[in-house]
Protein backbone atom coordinates (compact mmCIF):
# COMPACT_ATOMS: atom_id res chain seq x y z
CA MET A 1 126.24 120.14 84.51
CA ASN A 2 124.64 116.96 84.46
CA GLU A 3 121.15 116.63 82.98
CA THR A 4 119.45 115.55 86.65
CA GLU A 5 121.40 119.20 88.38
CA GLY A 6 120.39 121.20 84.82
CA ARG A 7 116.24 119.76 85.81
CA ASN A 8 116.79 121.11 89.42
CA GLY A 9 117.07 124.31 88.60
CA LEU A 10 113.98 124.38 86.25
CA ASP A 11 110.91 126.03 87.46
CA GLU A 12 107.55 123.99 87.49
CA SER A 13 105.75 125.13 84.01
CA GLU A 14 109.35 124.16 82.00
CA LEU A 15 109.14 121.29 84.32
CA VAL A 16 105.71 120.43 82.56
CA HIS A 17 106.31 120.60 79.53
CA ARG A 18 109.03 118.35 80.00
CA GLY A 19 107.26 116.16 81.11
CA HIS A 20 104.11 116.43 78.88
CA ALA A 21 107.35 115.73 75.89
CA GLY A 22 107.79 112.20 77.63
CA ASP A 23 110.75 113.18 79.24
CA ARG A 24 110.45 111.27 82.81
CA LYS A 25 113.11 113.11 84.66
CA ALA A 26 111.24 115.55 84.84
CA LEU A 27 108.33 114.34 86.22
CA GLU A 28 110.48 112.98 88.97
CA GLU A 29 111.99 116.14 89.83
CA LEU A 30 108.47 117.66 90.05
CA PHE A 31 107.09 115.54 91.72
CA LYS A 32 110.17 115.33 94.38
CA ARG A 33 109.79 118.89 94.85
CA TYR A 34 105.76 117.89 96.69
CA GLU A 35 107.18 114.81 98.21
CA ARG A 36 107.00 115.66 101.33
CA GLY A 37 103.97 117.81 102.13
CA LEU A 38 102.06 115.28 99.96
CA PHE A 39 102.48 112.31 101.65
CA ALA A 40 102.33 113.81 105.01
CA PHE A 41 98.25 115.32 103.32
CA VAL A 42 97.93 111.95 102.08
CA ASN A 43 98.83 109.92 105.93
CA ARG A 44 97.12 112.08 107.81
CA PHE A 45 94.14 112.69 105.33
CA VAL A 46 93.52 108.47 105.43
CA GLY A 47 95.36 107.48 108.55
CA GLY A 48 94.18 103.46 109.28
CA ALA A 49 91.56 104.02 106.69
CA ALA A 50 94.47 102.73 103.95
CA ASP A 51 97.81 102.29 104.05
CA PRO A 52 99.28 105.81 102.91
CA SER A 53 102.26 104.73 101.52
CA ASP A 54 99.34 102.58 98.60
CA VAL A 55 97.75 105.73 98.84
CA TYR A 56 99.88 107.78 97.10
CA GLN A 57 101.75 105.73 94.95
CA ASP A 58 98.51 105.90 93.29
CA VAL A 59 98.21 109.83 93.29
CA VAL A 60 101.30 110.63 91.93
CA LEU A 61 100.48 107.97 89.16
CA ARG A 62 97.48 109.06 88.84
CA ALA A 63 98.88 112.34 88.87
CA ILE A 64 101.35 111.35 85.69
CA GLU A 65 99.31 109.87 83.73
CA ASN A 66 96.76 112.67 83.46
CA ILE A 67 99.76 115.14 83.51
CA HIS A 68 98.31 116.43 80.33
CA ARG A 69 94.89 117.71 82.00
CA TYR A 70 96.84 119.98 84.37
CA ASN A 71 96.09 123.91 83.52
CA PRO A 72 99.60 125.97 83.53
CA ASN A 73 97.14 128.38 84.49
CA LEU A 74 96.85 126.92 87.64
CA SER A 75 99.20 126.26 90.35
CA PHE A 76 101.37 122.41 90.02
CA ARG A 77 100.85 122.44 93.58
CA THR A 78 97.40 123.32 93.75
CA TRP A 79 96.50 120.84 90.85
CA LEU A 80 98.00 118.40 92.44
CA PHE A 81 96.11 118.10 96.09
CA THR A 82 92.89 119.02 94.84
CA LEU A 83 93.70 115.41 92.63
CA ALA A 84 94.94 114.16 95.56
CA ALA A 85 92.63 115.30 97.11
CA ASN A 86 89.63 113.70 95.40
CA HIS A 87 91.51 110.31 95.42
CA CYS A 88 91.21 110.04 99.15
CA LYS A 89 88.13 110.68 99.85
CA ASN A 90 87.47 107.73 96.79
CA VAL A 91 89.52 105.56 99.32
CA LEU A 92 87.35 106.36 102.39
CA ARG A 93 84.56 106.42 100.62
CA SER A 94 85.54 103.09 98.93
CA ARG A 95 86.21 102.05 102.47
CA GLU A 96 82.94 102.67 104.11
CA GLN A 97 81.57 101.13 101.54
CA ARG A 98 82.73 97.81 102.22
CA GLY A 99 82.26 98.57 106.20
CA LYS A 100 85.76 98.80 107.21
CA PHE A 101 85.40 102.17 107.73
CA HIS A 102 83.03 104.56 109.04
CA MET A 103 83.24 108.35 108.15
CA PRO A 104 82.93 110.39 111.55
CA SER A 105 80.02 112.89 111.39
CA VAL A 106 81.53 115.67 114.44
CA LYS A 107 78.49 118.75 114.53
CA ARG A 108 80.82 121.92 116.39
CA SER A 109 79.04 126.06 116.28
CA ARG A 110 80.63 128.25 114.55
CA ASN A 111 83.63 130.70 115.62
CA ASP A 112 84.69 133.48 114.84
CA ALA A 113 88.44 133.16 114.78
CA GLU A 114 91.26 131.03 113.60
CA ILE A 115 93.12 129.42 116.10
CA ASP A 116 96.59 128.33 115.90
CA VAL A 117 96.00 124.35 116.93
CA LEU A 118 99.78 123.19 117.13
CA ALA A 119 100.84 126.73 119.32
CA SER A 120 99.22 124.07 122.07
CA ALA A 121 102.30 121.88 121.30
CA PRO A 122 105.07 121.75 123.52
CA ASP A 123 107.76 122.66 122.36
CA THR A 124 110.37 120.35 121.36
CA ALA A 125 114.16 122.09 122.45
CA PRO A 126 115.92 122.01 125.01
CA GLY A 127 115.45 118.86 126.58
CA PRO A 128 114.34 115.04 125.63
CA ASP A 129 111.68 116.12 128.23
CA ARG A 130 109.81 118.92 125.85
CA ALA A 131 111.15 116.46 123.07
CA ALA A 132 109.34 113.42 124.53
CA GLU A 133 105.84 115.66 125.28
CA GLY A 134 106.09 117.22 121.92
CA SER A 135 105.85 113.95 120.15
CA GLU A 136 103.52 113.05 122.38
CA PHE A 137 100.96 115.68 122.35
CA LEU A 138 101.43 114.88 118.02
CA ARG A 139 100.62 111.40 118.06
CA ALA A 140 96.98 112.68 120.34
CA LEU A 141 96.72 115.10 117.77
CA GLU A 142 97.29 112.15 114.59
CA ARG A 143 94.75 110.32 116.38
CA GLU A 144 92.16 113.05 116.90
CA LEU A 145 92.21 113.81 113.70
CA MET A 146 91.30 110.66 112.57
CA ASN A 147 87.45 111.65 114.72
CA LEU A 148 86.90 114.55 112.43
CA PRO A 149 85.01 114.65 109.02
CA PRO A 150 86.44 114.07 106.63
CA ALA A 151 85.91 118.10 105.01
CA GLN A 152 87.14 118.84 107.66
CA ARG A 153 90.41 117.51 108.52
CA GLU A 154 91.30 118.31 104.80
CA VAL A 155 91.42 121.80 105.55
CA PHE A 156 92.89 121.57 108.74
CA VAL A 157 95.95 119.60 107.27
CA LEU A 158 96.16 121.22 104.36
CA ARG A 159 96.09 125.09 106.19
CA GLU A 160 97.75 123.42 109.65
CA PHE A 161 99.99 121.05 108.25
CA ASN A 162 101.16 122.61 104.72
CA ASP A 163 100.49 126.09 105.04
CA VAL A 164 98.72 126.43 102.43
CA PRO A 165 96.76 129.34 101.41
CA PHE A 166 92.13 129.70 102.53
CA LYS A 167 92.24 130.70 98.84
CA GLU A 168 94.64 127.91 97.27
CA ILE A 169 92.56 125.91 99.54
CA SER A 170 89.17 127.32 97.92
CA SER A 171 90.44 126.36 94.73
CA ILE A 172 91.74 122.03 95.42
CA LEU A 173 89.02 121.46 97.80
CA LYS A 174 85.92 123.17 95.40
CA ILE A 175 84.55 124.74 97.61
CA PRO A 176 83.69 128.99 98.77
CA GLU A 177 86.83 130.90 100.46
CA ALA A 178 84.00 131.02 103.58
CA THR A 179 83.25 127.23 103.29
CA ALA A 180 87.01 126.94 103.81
CA ARG A 181 87.39 128.66 106.56
CA SER A 182 84.13 127.94 108.52
CA ARG A 183 85.32 123.89 108.43
CA MET A 184 89.10 124.90 109.61
CA TYR A 185 87.49 127.26 112.27
CA LEU A 186 85.28 123.52 113.64
CA ALA A 187 87.84 120.86 113.44
CA VAL A 188 89.90 123.85 115.47
CA GLU A 189 87.46 123.81 118.15
CA TYR A 190 86.91 119.79 118.30
CA LEU A 191 90.57 119.77 118.81
CA ARG A 192 91.32 122.26 120.85
CA VAL A 193 88.20 120.67 123.29
CA ARG A 194 89.77 117.13 122.04
CA LEU A 195 93.96 118.15 122.90
CA ARG A 196 93.21 120.74 126.31
CA ALA A 197 95.20 118.19 128.07
CA PHE A 198 98.20 119.59 126.35
CA ALA A 199 96.56 123.65 126.79
CA GLY A 200 99.68 125.98 128.21
CA ALA A 201 102.08 123.41 127.50
CA GLY A 202 103.31 125.93 124.74
CA ALA A 203 103.00 129.06 125.64
CA GLY A 204 106.24 130.09 125.58
CA ARG A 205 105.86 129.54 121.49
CA GLY A 206 102.80 132.44 121.33
CA ALA A 207 100.07 131.99 119.32
CA GLU A 208 100.42 133.98 116.09
CA GLU A 209 96.84 133.60 113.91
CA LYS A 210 96.91 132.79 110.84
CA ARG A 211 95.58 134.54 107.49
């Protein structure tokens, strides 16, 4: 077994410990485990306001530089996404101050139950027509996400695209769980209205309520 294979089998705490000790490969393995979800979060959070690749690289570099500040009592994902959320918000504020981006402000009434917006997406199988419909829906969703206030967008992306529980979202964003749920409800209500053209296209998939 080579060193890389050995690191692949290590748990987070051991990888963090080795990273603290200067093991660069351990840090690379650690961040590789979250690369896909983290980039998706950054990409959907900053959207066209900044280059998501640059922002993602900044997040990773900041995480490496501040790995000694990681509290092992928290999950590494919680710490990493907290850092990413804070950096993305700073990027958007900076762009807004320079007049290159305007943070939207959307107010909606509250709902009492969470509804899975993605359930309205057409099933991508079988056939190219269905796949095209699914791609069209996701493009529309990406556009509408940028019309959400950042506070709602970050909750929606964490919940829908990264499947992060509300309790953990509360820890990541440093807000009460009830606030996280309220922001999710507002985002869902707005997106369902804006994406109503796709309503019923994915009815066969079902809309299982998430808790």
